[in-house]
C-alpha atoms as a PDB file:
ATOM      1  CA  MET A   1      38.484  -5.346  34.972  1.00  0.00           C
ATOM      2  CA  ARG A   2      35.575  -3.899  36.908  1.00  0.00           C
ATOM      3  CA  LYS A   3      33.116  -5.013  34.213  1.00  0.00           C
ATOM      4  CA  LEU A   4      34.596  -8.501  34.264  1.00  0.00           C
ATOM      5  CA  LEU A   5      34.229  -8.729  38.050  1.00  0.00           C
ATOM      6  CA  LEU A   6      30.596  -7.588  37.849  1.00  0.00           C
ATOM      7  CA  ALA A   7      29.919 -10.148  35.133  1.00  0.00           C
ATOM      8  CA  VAL A   8      31.389 -12.935  37.290  1.00  0.00           C
ATOM      9  CA  ILE A   9      29.276 -11.877  40.296  1.00  0.00           C
ATOM     10  CA  PHE A  10      26.126 -11.729  38.162  1.00  0.00           C
ATOM     11  CA  THR A  11      26.826 -15.184  36.737  1.00  0.00           C
ATOM     12  CA  LEU A  12      27.330 -16.636  40.217  1.00  0.00           C
ATOM     13  CA  LEU A  13      24.008 -15.171  41.337  1.00  0.00           C
ATOM     14  CA  LEU A  14      22.221 -16.710  38.359  1.00  0.00           C
ATOM     15  CA  VAL A  15      23.787 -20.102  39.019  1.00  0.00           C
ATOM     16  CA  SER A  16      22.856 -20.018  42.701  1.00  0.00           C
ATOM     17  CA  CYS A  17      19.255 -19.106  41.850  1.00  0.00           C
ATOM     18  CA  ALA A  18      18.993 -21.768  39.154  1.00  0.00           C
ATOM     19  CA  PHE A  19      20.024 -24.593  41.479  1.00  0.00           C
ATOM     20  CA  ALA A  20      18.520 -23.362  44.767  1.00  0.00           C
ATOM     21  CA  GLU A  21      15.273 -25.336  44.398  1.00  0.00           C
ATOM     22  CA  ARG A  22      17.151 -28.629  44.097  1.00  0.00           C
ATOM     23  CA  ARG A  23      18.966 -28.213  47.393  1.00  0.00           C
ATOM     24  CA  ASP A  24      17.813 -28.869  50.954  1.00  0.00           C
ATOM     25  CA  PHE A  25      17.885 -26.506  53.916  1.00  0.00           C
ATOM     26  CA  VAL A  26      17.223 -29.426  56.270  1.00  0.00           C
ATOM     27  CA  TYR A  27      18.010 -33.130  55.993  1.00  0.00           C
ATOM     28  CA  VAL A  28      16.234 -35.605  58.280  1.00  0.00           C
ATOM     29  CA  VAL A  29      16.696 -39.337  58.860  1.00  0.00           C
ATOM     30  CA  THR A  30      15.361 -41.766  61.464  1.00  0.00           C
ATOM     31  CA  ILE A  31      18.091 -43.893  63.043  1.00  0.00           C
ATOM     32  CA  LYS A  32      16.522 -47.012  64.516  1.00  0.00           C
ATOM     33  CA  ASN A  33      17.228 -48.685  67.872  1.00  0.00           C
ATOM     34  CA  THR A  34      19.849 -46.257  69.075  1.00  0.00           C
ATOM     35  CA  THR A  35      20.431 -43.476  71.602  1.00  0.00           C
ATOM     36  CA  SER A  36      21.266 -39.794  71.335  1.00  0.00           C
ATOM     37  CA  GLN A  37      24.742 -40.451  72.726  1.00  0.00           C
ATOM     38  CA  GLN A  38      25.480 -43.144  70.147  1.00  0.00           C
ATOM     39  CA  VAL A  39      24.333 -40.824  67.360  1.00  0.00           C
ATOM     40  CA  ALA A  40      26.379 -37.929  68.745  1.00  0.00           C
ATOM     41  CA  ASN A  41      29.497 -40.106  68.903  1.00  0.00           C
ATOM     42  CA  ALA A  42      28.987 -41.253  65.301  1.00  0.00           C
ATOM     43  CA  VAL A  43      28.385 -37.666  64.150  1.00  0.00           C
ATOM     44  CA  ILE A  44      31.573 -36.386  65.792  1.00  0.00           C
ATOM     45  CA  GLU A  45      33.583 -39.274  64.327  1.00  0.00           C
ATOM     46  CA  GLU A  46      32.185 -38.683  60.815  1.00  0.00           C
ATOM     47  CA  MET A  47      32.694 -34.913  60.951  1.00  0.00           C
ATOM     48  CA  ALA A  48      36.283 -35.412  62.098  1.00  0.00           C
ATOM     49  CA  LYS A  49      36.947 -36.853  58.624  1.00  0.00           C
ATOM     50  CA  LEU A  50      35.952 -33.443  57.229  1.00  0.00           C
ATOM     51  CA  GLU A  51      38.103 -31.670  59.826  1.00  0.00           C
ATOM     52  CA  LEU A  52      35.116 -29.786  61.230  1.00  0.00           C
ATOM     53  CA  PRO A  53      35.772 -28.640  64.829  1.00  0.00           C
ATOM     54  CA  VAL A  54      33.074 -29.158  67.483  1.00  0.00           C
ATOM     55  CA  THR A  55      32.010 -25.868  69.035  1.00  0.00           C
ATOM     56  CA  GLN A  56      29.206 -27.183  71.244  1.00  0.00           C
ATOM     57  CA  THR A  57      27.675 -30.534  72.165  1.00  0.00           C
ATOM     58  CA  SER A  58      24.840 -31.647  74.440  1.00  0.00           C
ATOM     59  CA  ALA A  59      22.365 -34.509  74.830  1.00  0.00           C
ATOM     60  CA  ASP A  60      20.182 -33.190  72.001  1.00  0.00           C
ATOM     61  CA  GLN A  61      22.537 -31.252  69.720  1.00  0.00           C
ATOM     62  CA  THR A  62      26.066 -31.032  68.328  1.00  0.00           C
ATOM     63  CA  ILE A  63      27.305 -27.887  66.568  1.00  0.00           C
ATOM     64  CA  PHE A  64      30.328 -27.586  64.302  1.00  0.00           C
ATOM     65  CA  VAL A  65      31.783 -24.291  63.112  1.00  0.00           C
ATOM     66  CA  THR A  66      33.257 -23.451  59.710  1.00  0.00           C
ATOM     67  CA  LYS A  67      34.870 -20.115  58.901  1.00  0.00           C
ATOM     68  CA  SER A  68      33.686 -19.110  55.448  1.00  0.00           C
ATOM     69  CA  THR A  69      34.979 -16.416  53.120  1.00  0.00           C
ATOM     70  CA  PHE A  70      33.381 -15.950  49.696  1.00  0.00           C
ATOM     71  CA  LEU A  71      34.633 -12.994  47.691  1.00  0.00           C
ATOM     72  CA  PHE A  72      33.609  -9.978  49.836  1.00  0.00           C
ATOM     73  CA  ASP A  73      31.420 -12.004  52.170  1.00  0.00           C
ATOM     74  CA  LYS A  74      32.902 -13.002  55.541  1.00  0.00           C
ATOM     75  CA  SER A  75      30.756 -15.015  57.919  1.00  0.00           C
ATOM     76  CA  THR A  76      30.802 -17.836  60.428  1.00  0.00           C
ATOM     77  CA  MET A  77      28.790 -20.850  59.338  1.00  0.00           C
ATOM     78  CA  TYR A  78      27.493 -23.435  61.796  1.00  0.00           C
ATOM     79  CA  THR A  79      26.572 -27.016  60.946  1.00  0.00           C
ATOM     80  CA  ILE A  80      23.956 -28.197  63.436  1.00  0.00           C
ATOM     81  CA  PHE A  81      22.988 -31.800  64.207  1.00  0.00           C
ATOM     82  CA  ASN A  82      19.815 -32.187  66.307  1.00  0.00           C
ATOM     83  CA  TYR A  83      18.827 -35.438  68.098  1.00  0.00           C
ATOM     84  CA  LEU A  84      15.139 -36.073  68.810  1.00  0.00           C
ATOM     85  CA  PRO A  85      14.288 -39.315  70.692  1.00  0.00           C
ATOM     86  CA  VAL A  86      11.083 -41.009  69.516  1.00  0.00           C
ATOM     87  CA  ASN A  87      10.427 -44.404  71.133  1.00  0.00           C
ATOM     88  CA  ASN A  88      13.691 -46.336  70.643  1.00  0.00           C
ATOM     89  CA  ASN A  89      14.744 -44.289  67.630  1.00  0.00           C
ATOM     90  CA  ILE A  90      16.515 -40.979  67.077  1.00  0.00           C
ATOM     91  CA  ILE A  91      15.301 -38.498  64.481  1.00  0.00           C
ATOM     92  CA  LEU A  92      18.487 -36.827  63.260  1.00  0.00           C
ATOM     93  CA  SER A  93      18.038 -33.434  61.597  1.00  0.00           C
ATOM     94  CA  VAL A  94      20.897 -31.485  60.054  1.00  0.00           C
ATOM     95  CA  THR A  95      20.966 -27.855  58.983  1.00  0.00           C
ATOM     96  CA  GLU A  96      23.356 -24.937  58.589  1.00  0.00           C
ATOM     97  CA  SER A  97      23.122 -21.310  59.671  1.00  0.00           C
ATOM     98  CA  MET A  98      25.210 -18.142  59.876  1.00  0.00           C
ATOM     99  CA  ASP A  99      25.617 -15.631  62.672  1.00  0.00           C
ATOM    100  CA  THR A 100      26.832 -12.717  60.513  1.00  0.00           C
ATOM    101  CA  VAL A 101      26.655 -11.857  56.840  1.00  0.00           C
ATOM    102  CA  GLN A 102      28.380  -8.755  55.550  1.00  0.00           C
ATOM    103  CA  TRP A 103      27.175  -9.018  51.960  1.00  0.00           C
ATOM    104  CA  THR A 104      23.658 -10.468  51.926  1.00  0.00           C
ATOM    105  CA  ILE A 105      23.561 -10.969  48.116  1.00  0.00           C
ATOM    106  CA  PHE A 106      25.270 -14.324  48.701  1.00  0.00           C
ATOM    107  CA  GLN A 107      23.229 -15.339  51.748  1.00  0.00           C
ATOM    108  CA  ASN A 108      20.753 -17.564  49.881  1.00  0.00           C
ATOM    109  CA  SER A 109      23.386 -19.494  47.927  1.00  0.00           C
ATOM    110  CA  MET A 110      25.437 -20.126  51.079  1.00  0.00           C
ATOM    111  CA  ARG A 111      22.455 -21.226  53.171  1.00  0.00           C
ATOM    112  CA  VAL A 112      21.777 -24.250  50.977  1.00  0.00           C
ATOM    113  CA  GLN A 113      25.177 -25.896  51.343  1.00  0.00           C
ATOM    114  CA  ILE A 114      23.575 -28.709  53.367  1.00  0.00           C
ATOM    115  CA  ASN A 115      23.821 -30.944  50.284  1.00  0.00           C
ATOM    116  CA  TRP A 116      27.559 -31.450  50.656  1.00  0.00           C
ATOM    117  CA  LEU A 117      26.847 -33.163  54.022  1.00  0.00           C
ATOM    118  CA  ILE A 118      24.347 -35.718  52.701  1.00  0.00           C
ATOM    119  CA  PRO A 119      26.958 -38.475  52.094  1.00  0.00           C
ATOM    120  CA  SER A 120      28.157 -38.078  55.696  1.00  0.00           C
ATOM    121  CA  ILE A 121      24.593 -38.204  57.057  1.00  0.00           C
ATOM    122  CA  ARG A 122      23.958 -41.398  55.115  1.00  0.00           C
ATOM    123  CA  ASN A 123      27.194 -42.913  56.431  1.00  0.00           C
ATOM    124  CA  ILE A 124      26.091 -42.181  60.008  1.00  0.00           C
ATOM    125  CA  LYS A 125      22.709 -43.890  59.572  1.00  0.00           C
ATOM    126  CA  ASN A 126      24.273 -46.837  57.732  1.00  0.00           C
ATOM    127  CA  LYS A 127      26.821 -47.337  60.499  1.00  0.00           C
ATOM    128  CA  LEU A 128      24.277 -47.223  63.328  1.00  0.00           C
ATOM    129  CA  ASP A 129      21.272 -49.153  62.005  1.00  0.00           C
ATOM    130  CA  GLY A 130      22.611 -50.908  58.911  1.00  0.00           C
ATOM    131  CA  THR A 131      20.332 -49.254  56.337  1.00  0.00           C
ATOM    132  CA  ASN A 132      21.712 -49.528  52.816  1.00  0.00           C
ATOM    133  CA  ILE A 133      23.219 -46.224  51.668  1.00  0.00           C
ATOM    134  CA  LYS A 134      21.121 -46.268  48.478  1.00  0.00           C
ATOM    135  CA  ASP A 135      17.893 -46.552  50.483  1.00  0.00           C
ATOM    136  CA  ILE A 136      18.536 -43.511  52.692  1.00  0.00           C
ATOM    137  CA  LYS A 137      16.509 -40.462  51.694  1.00  0.00           C
ATOM    138  CA  ASN A 138      15.487 -37.169  53.270  1.00  0.00           C
ATOM    139  CA  GLU A 139      12.468 -37.911  55.488  1.00  0.00           C
ATOM    140  CA  VAL A 140      11.486 -34.303  56.166  1.00  0.00           C
ATOM    141  CA  ALA A 141       7.719 -33.743  55.861  1.00  0.00           C
ATOM    142  CA  ARG A 142       6.762 -31.808  52.728  1.00  0.00           C
ATOM    143  CA  THR A 143       3.572 -30.548  51.134  1.00  0.00           C
ATOM    144  CA  LYS A 144       2.479 -31.694  47.663  1.00  0.00           C
ATOM    145  CA  ASP A 145       4.385 -28.808  46.068  1.00  0.00           C
ATOM    146  CA  GLY A 146       7.600 -29.828  47.839  1.00  0.00           C
ATOM    147  CA  VAL A 147       7.616 -27.152  50.552  1.00  0.00           C
ATOM    148  CA  MET A 148       8.632 -28.203  54.047  1.00  0.00           C
ATOM    149  CA  GLU A 149       5.612 -28.552  56.358  1.00  0.00           C
ATOM    150  CA  LEU A 150       5.305 -26.492  59.512  1.00  0.00           C
ATOM    151  CA  GLY A 151       3.447 -29.375  61.180  1.00  0.00           C
ATOM    152  CA  LEU A 152       1.869 -27.303  63.942  1.00  0.00           C
ATOM    153  CA  THR A 153      -1.671 -26.624  65.139  1.00  0.00           C
ATOM    154  CA  VAL A 154      -2.697 -24.819  68.314  1.00  0.00           C
ATOM    155  CA  GLU A 155      -5.662 -24.653  70.652  1.00  0.00           C
ATOM    156  CA  LYS A 156      -6.638 -21.383  72.309  1.00  0.00           C
ATOM    157  CA  ASN A 157      -6.661 -21.206  76.108  1.00  0.00           C
ATOM    158  CA  SER A 158      -9.024 -19.196  78.310  1.00  0.00           C
ATOM    159  CA  ASP A 159      -6.194 -16.846  79.368  1.00  0.00           C
ATOM    160  CA  GLY A 160      -5.571 -15.647  75.809  1.00  0.00           C
ATOM    161  CA  THR A 161      -2.577 -17.886  75.106  1.00  0.00           C
ATOM    162  CA  ALA A 162      -2.543 -20.973  72.864  1.00  0.00           C
ATOM    163  CA  SER A 163      -1.336 -24.547  73.507  1.00  0.00           C
ATOM    164  CA  VAL A 164       0.635 -26.473  70.880  1.00  0.00           C
ATOM    165  CA  LYS A 165      -1.152 -29.570  69.563  1.00  0.00           C
ATOM    166  CA  ASN A 166      -0.722 -32.165  66.803  1.00  0.00           C
ATOM    167  CA  LEU A 167       3.013 -31.858  66.126  1.00  0.00           C
ATOM    168  CA  ASN A 168       4.507 -33.773  63.217  1.00  0.00           C
ATOM    169  CA  PRO A 169       7.955 -35.043  64.371  1.00  0.00           C
ATOM    170  CA  TYR A 170       9.303 -34.785  60.799  1.00  0.00           C
ATOM    171  CA  ALA A 171       8.111 -31.214  60.193  1.00  0.00           C
ATOM    172  CA  TYR A 172       9.691 -27.837  60.910  1.00  0.00           C
ATOM    173  CA  ALA A 173       8.048 -26.897  64.225  1.00  0.00           C
ATOM    174  CA  ARG A 174       9.065 -30.051  66.125  1.00  0.00           C
ATOM    175  CA  LEU A 175      12.526 -30.104  64.579  1.00  0.00           C
ATOM    176  CA  ARG A 176      12.860 -26.443  65.603  1.00  0.00           C
ATOM    177  CA  GLY A 177      12.441 -27.496  69.240  1.00  0.00           C
ATOM    178  CA  ILE A 178       8.747 -26.777  69.830  1.00  0.00           C
ATOM    179  CA  LYS A 179       6.988 -29.453  71.913  1.00  0.00           C
ATOM    180  CA  SER A 180       3.395 -30.543  72.493  1.00  0.00           C
ATOM    181  CA  ASN A 181       1.665 -28.515  75.221  1.00  0.00           C
ATOM    182  CA  ASP A 182       4.131 -25.626  74.893  1.00  0.00           C
ATOM    183  CA  ILE A 183       2.288 -22.369  75.470  1.00  0.00           C
ATOM    184  CA  ILE A 184       2.450 -19.761  72.694  1.00  0.00           C
ATOM    185  CA  VAL A 185       2.126 -16.374  74.365  1.00  0.00           C
ATOM    186  CA  SER A 186       2.212 -14.273  71.196  1.00  0.00           C
ATOM    187  CA  ILE A 187       3.159 -14.163  67.512  1.00  0.00           C
ATOM    188  CA  ASN A 188       5.215 -11.168  66.361  1.00  0.00           C
ATOM    189  CA  GLY A 189       4.429  -9.443  69.644  1.00  0.00           C
ATOM    190  CA  LYS A 190       0.634  -9.801  69.288  1.00  0.00           C
ATOM    191  CA  PRO A 191      -1.341 -11.812  71.902  1.00  0.00           C
ATOM    192  CA  PHE A 192      -4.484 -13.775  70.988  1.00  0.00           C
ATOM    193  CA  LYS A 193      -7.110 -12.212  73.254  1.00  0.00           C
ATOM    194  CA  GLU A 194      -9.414 -11.105  70.410  1.00  0.00           C
ATOM    195  CA  GLN A 195      -8.738 -14.039  68.080  1.00  0.00           C
ATOM    196  CA  SER A 196     -10.617 -17.303  67.797  1.00  0.00           C
ATOM    197  CA  ASN A 197      -8.917 -20.684  67.672  1.00  0.00           C
ATOM    198  CA  GLU A 198      -9.454 -20.778  63.892  1.00  0.00           C
ATOM    199  CA  ASP A 199      -8.036 -17.249  63.503  1.00  0.00           C
ATOM    200  CA  ILE A 200      -4.804 -18.187  65.306  1.00  0.00           C
ATOM    201  CA  ASN A 201      -4.214 -21.302  63.205  1.00  0.00           C
ATOM    202  CA  THR A 202      -5.039 -19.404  59.998  1.00  0.00           C
ATOM    203  CA  THR A 203      -2.558 -16.651  60.898  1.00  0.00           C
ATOM    204  CA  ILE A 204       0.203 -19.191  61.525  1.00  0.00           C
ATOM    205  CA  GLU A 205      -0.583 -21.121  58.328  1.00  0.00           C
ATOM    206  CA  ASN A 206      -0.702 -18.007  56.126  1.00  0.00           C
ATOM    207  CA  ASN A 207       2.558 -16.599  57.527  1.00  0.00           C
ATOM    208  CA  TRP A 208       4.234 -19.951  56.888  1.00  0.00           C
ATOM    209  CA  LYS A 209       2.905 -20.305  53.325  1.00  0.00           C
ATOM    210  CA  ASN A 210       3.901 -16.730  52.448  1.00  0.00           C
ATOM    211  CA  GLY A 211       7.403 -17.127  53.853  1.00  0.00           C
ATOM    212  CA  ASP A 212       6.810 -14.300  56.333  1.00  0.00           C
ATOM    213  CA  ASN A 213       8.936 -14.062  59.457  1.00  0.00           C
ATOM    214  CA  MET A 214       7.218 -15.202  62.641  1.00  0.00           C
ATOM    215  CA  ILE A 215       8.540 -14.739  66.163  1.00  0.00           C
ATOM    216  CA  LEU A 216       6.777 -17.150  68.508  1.00  0.00           C
ATOM    217  CA  VAL A 217       7.086 -16.390  72.219  1.00  0.00           C
ATOM    218  CA  ILE A 218       6.963 -19.863  73.808  1.00  0.00           C
ATOM    219  CA  ARG A 219       6.474 -20.641  77.503  1.00  0.00           C
ATOM    220  CA  ARG A 220       7.423 -24.069  78.822  1.00  0.00           C
ATOM    221  CA  GLY A 221       7.007 -24.241  82.582  1.00  0.00           C
ATOM    222  CA  ASP A 222       8.788 -21.185  83.970  1.00  0.00           C
ATOM    223  CA  VAL A 223      11.017 -20.724  80.906  1.00  0.00           C
ATOM    224  CA  VAL A 224      10.074 -18.282  78.132  1.00  0.00           C
ATOM    225  CA  ASN A 225      11.874 -18.257  74.776  1.00  0.00           C
ATOM    226  CA  SER A 226      11.451 -16.432  71.460  1.00  0.00           C
ATOM    227  CA  ILE A 227      11.668 -18.766  68.455  1.00  0.00           C
ATOM    228  CA  PRO A 228      11.979 -17.332  64.909  1.00  0.00           C
ATOM    229  CA  ILE A 229      10.050 -19.288  62.278  1.00  0.00           C
ATOM    230  CA  ASN A 230      10.472 -18.979  58.506  1.00  0.00           C
ATOM    231  CA  LYS A 231      10.168 -21.718  55.882  1.00  0.00           C
ATOM    232  CA  ASN A 232      13.011 -20.183  53.858  1.00  0.00           C
ATOM    233  CA  ASN A 233      15.537 -20.679  56.655  1.00  0.00           C
ATOM    234  CA  GLY A 234      17.135 -23.687  58.264  1.00  0.00           C
ATOM    235  CA  LEU A 235      16.471 -24.813  61.821  1.00  0.00           C
END
């Protein structure tokens, strides 16, 4: 019996690895001529069909919670809808995340469950701006090899910090909540006093390409936040 259970677990791991590259961590669509409130209302209505309870909602985000149990793994999964106004449109980005994972061997396979929400995301866009369901695709910015773009460059300041410049609204950094002219105080606890502008951008680019964890300390006005960045995770 024990051997059978181990064989089943091993098979599930192989299956999850085999299909992981075909699944999306983040799904992004532009909904034309609408408002954040209209999108939020449509999202809540669509998710009600799936019986997903709302745990938090605001002008720029709605979060739904799903209790998940998979064999020995017990965790709380959150489905997150982000609303980014651009001109008269809303860029809707959808991702999922967990707050606790007891058995991390299943973490990767559970992270990529965003695909089951794609029909609902398409229904929301179709309802609000009339785009044909068949024409709706993931608009997230990707490199030539299919990896999600960070979409962030910075410019060093005289005080040793760096200002955010040239954000791509369809790439990870902007969808993660970073804004133009945000001040990056440090990366992974290291300030930029001895680094050139090119050095800072190279460090960020290399960490992103390698899938290394980055903790950006961001200052916006009087508010300072730490934002974790990793291309292998959702938003």
